[in-house]
Amino acid sequence: PGGVLLLEIGFDQGAAVSELFANDGAVSVLSDICGNDRVVVVKKGLNQG
């Protein structure tokens, strides 16, 4: 099984939260309209193509 986890974060939490999930799947950080980190996306067990 796999899935996607989306976490809304504070503007200064992208690196720290990404590090927490680094061993759990593909991790990326999405920015808001102002360019601040806003969402951490963790994908696990999915076809990344």
N, C-alpha and C. Protein backbone atom coordinates (compact mmCIF):
# COMPACT_ATOMS: atom_id res chain seq x y z
N PRO A 1 0.82 -1.20 0.00
CA PRO A 1 0.00 0.00 0.00
C PRO A 1 0.86 1.25 0.00
N GLY A 2 0.30 2.27 -0.53
CA GLY A 2 0.97 3.56 -0.56
C GLY A 2 -0.05 4.66 -0.43
N GLY A 3 0.41 5.84 -0.61
CA GLY A 3 -0.50 6.97 -0.53
C GLY A 3 0.23 8.28 -0.58
N VAL A 4 -0.53 9.33 -0.37
CA VAL A 4 0.00 10.68 -0.38
C VAL A 4 -0.40 11.36 0.92
N LEU A 5 0.55 12.03 1.55
CA LEU A 5 0.31 12.80 2.76
C LEU A 5 0.61 14.26 2.45
N LEU A 6 -0.35 15.14 2.72
CA LEU A 6 -0.17 16.58 2.53
C LEU A 6 -0.24 17.23 3.90
N LEU A 7 0.78 18.01 4.23
CA LEU A 7 0.85 18.68 5.52
C LEU A 7 1.00 20.19 5.31
N GLU A 8 0.07 20.96 5.83
CA GLU A 8 0.24 22.41 5.78
C GLU A 8 1.22 22.79 6.89
N ILE A 9 2.19 23.63 6.52
CA ILE A 9 3.26 23.99 7.46
C ILE A 9 3.41 25.50 7.55
N GLY A 10 4.14 25.93 8.56
CA GLY A 10 4.51 27.33 8.69
C GLY A 10 5.62 27.66 7.70
N PHE A 11 5.79 28.93 7.39
CA PHE A 11 6.73 29.35 6.35
C PHE A 11 8.17 28.92 6.62
N ASP A 12 8.52 28.67 7.86
CA ASP A 12 9.90 28.33 8.20
C ASP A 12 10.09 26.85 8.58
N GLN A 13 9.11 26.01 8.26
CA GLN A 13 9.16 24.61 8.70
C GLN A 13 9.44 23.61 7.58
N GLY A 14 9.61 24.05 6.35
CA GLY A 14 9.77 23.14 5.23
C GLY A 14 10.90 22.15 5.38
N ALA A 15 12.09 22.64 5.69
CA ALA A 15 13.25 21.76 5.81
C ALA A 15 13.10 20.78 6.96
N ALA A 16 12.66 21.25 8.11
CA ALA A 16 12.54 20.39 9.29
C ALA A 16 11.51 19.28 9.08
N VAL A 17 10.35 19.63 8.52
CA VAL A 17 9.30 18.63 8.30
C VAL A 17 9.73 17.65 7.21
N SER A 18 10.37 18.15 6.16
CA SER A 18 10.86 17.27 5.10
C SER A 18 11.84 16.25 5.65
N GLU A 19 12.70 16.69 6.55
CA GLU A 19 13.68 15.79 7.16
C GLU A 19 13.01 14.68 7.96
N LEU A 20 11.91 14.99 8.62
CA LEU A 20 11.18 13.98 9.39
C LEU A 20 10.70 12.83 8.52
N PHE A 21 10.35 13.12 7.26
CA PHE A 21 9.78 12.12 6.37
C PHE A 21 10.75 11.65 5.30
N ALA A 22 12.01 12.03 5.37
CA ALA A 22 12.99 11.74 4.32
C ALA A 22 13.12 10.25 4.01
N ASN A 23 12.95 9.39 4.99
CA ASN A 23 13.10 7.95 4.79
C ASN A 23 11.78 7.26 4.46
N ASP A 24 10.70 8.01 4.35
CA ASP A 24 9.38 7.42 4.18
C ASP A 24 8.85 7.47 2.76
N GLY A 25 9.53 8.15 1.85
CA GLY A 25 9.04 8.25 0.48
C GLY A 25 9.59 9.48 -0.19
N ALA A 26 9.00 9.82 -1.33
CA ALA A 26 9.40 11.01 -2.07
C ALA A 26 8.80 12.23 -1.38
N VAL A 27 9.65 13.16 -0.97
CA VAL A 27 9.21 14.35 -0.23
C VAL A 27 9.45 15.59 -1.07
N SER A 28 8.46 16.46 -1.12
CA SER A 28 8.63 17.75 -1.79
C SER A 28 7.92 18.83 -0.98
N VAL A 29 8.32 20.07 -1.21
CA VAL A 29 7.73 21.22 -0.52
C VAL A 29 7.13 22.14 -1.57
N LEU A 30 5.87 22.50 -1.38
CA LEU A 30 5.19 23.42 -2.28
C LEU A 30 5.13 24.80 -1.63
N SER A 31 5.27 25.82 -2.46
CA SER A 31 5.23 27.20 -1.97
C SER A 31 3.86 27.81 -2.20
N ASP A 32 3.54 28.81 -1.37
CA ASP A 32 2.30 29.55 -1.57
C ASP A 32 2.53 30.67 -2.58
N ILE A 33 1.52 31.48 -2.82
CA ILE A 33 1.59 32.52 -3.83
C ILE A 33 2.66 33.58 -3.54
N CYS A 34 3.06 33.69 -2.27
CA CYS A 34 4.10 34.66 -1.87
C CYS A 34 5.50 34.05 -1.90
N GLY A 35 5.59 32.77 -2.26
CA GLY A 35 6.89 32.11 -2.33
C GLY A 35 7.35 31.47 -1.03
N ASN A 36 6.50 31.45 -0.03
CA ASN A 36 6.83 30.82 1.25
C ASN A 36 6.48 29.34 1.22
N ASP A 37 7.30 28.51 1.88
CA ASP A 37 6.96 27.10 2.02
C ASP A 37 5.59 27.00 2.68
N ARG A 38 4.70 26.15 2.13
CA ARG A 38 3.35 26.07 2.68
C ARG A 38 2.87 24.63 2.87
N VAL A 39 3.28 23.70 1.99
CA VAL A 39 2.79 22.32 2.06
C VAL A 39 3.95 21.36 1.84
N VAL A 40 4.04 20.35 2.69
CA VAL A 40 4.97 19.24 2.47
C VAL A 40 4.16 18.08 1.92
N VAL A 41 4.64 17.51 0.82
CA VAL A 41 3.99 16.38 0.16
C VAL A 41 4.89 15.16 0.31
N VAL A 42 4.33 14.08 0.84
CA VAL A 42 5.06 12.82 0.97
C VAL A 42 4.30 11.78 0.15
N LYS A 43 4.99 11.18 -0.82
CA LYS A 43 4.40 10.12 -1.65
C LYS A 43 5.13 8.83 -1.36
N LYS A 44 4.37 7.79 -1.06
CA LYS A 44 4.97 6.50 -0.74
C LYS A 44 4.27 5.39 -1.51
N GLY A 45 5.07 4.53 -2.13
CA GLY A 45 4.54 3.36 -2.79
C GLY A 45 3.70 3.64 -4.02
N LEU A 46 3.91 4.78 -4.66
CA LEU A 46 3.16 5.13 -5.86
C LEU A 46 4.09 5.16 -7.05
N ASN A 47 3.55 4.91 -8.21
CA ASN A 47 4.33 5.04 -9.44
C ASN A 47 4.68 6.51 -9.61
N GLN A 48 5.95 6.83 -9.55
CA GLN A 48 6.39 8.22 -9.61
C GLN A 48 6.48 8.74 -11.04
N GLY A 49 6.16 7.93 -12.04
CA GLY A 49 6.25 8.32 -13.44
C GLY A 49 5.19 9.19 -13.83
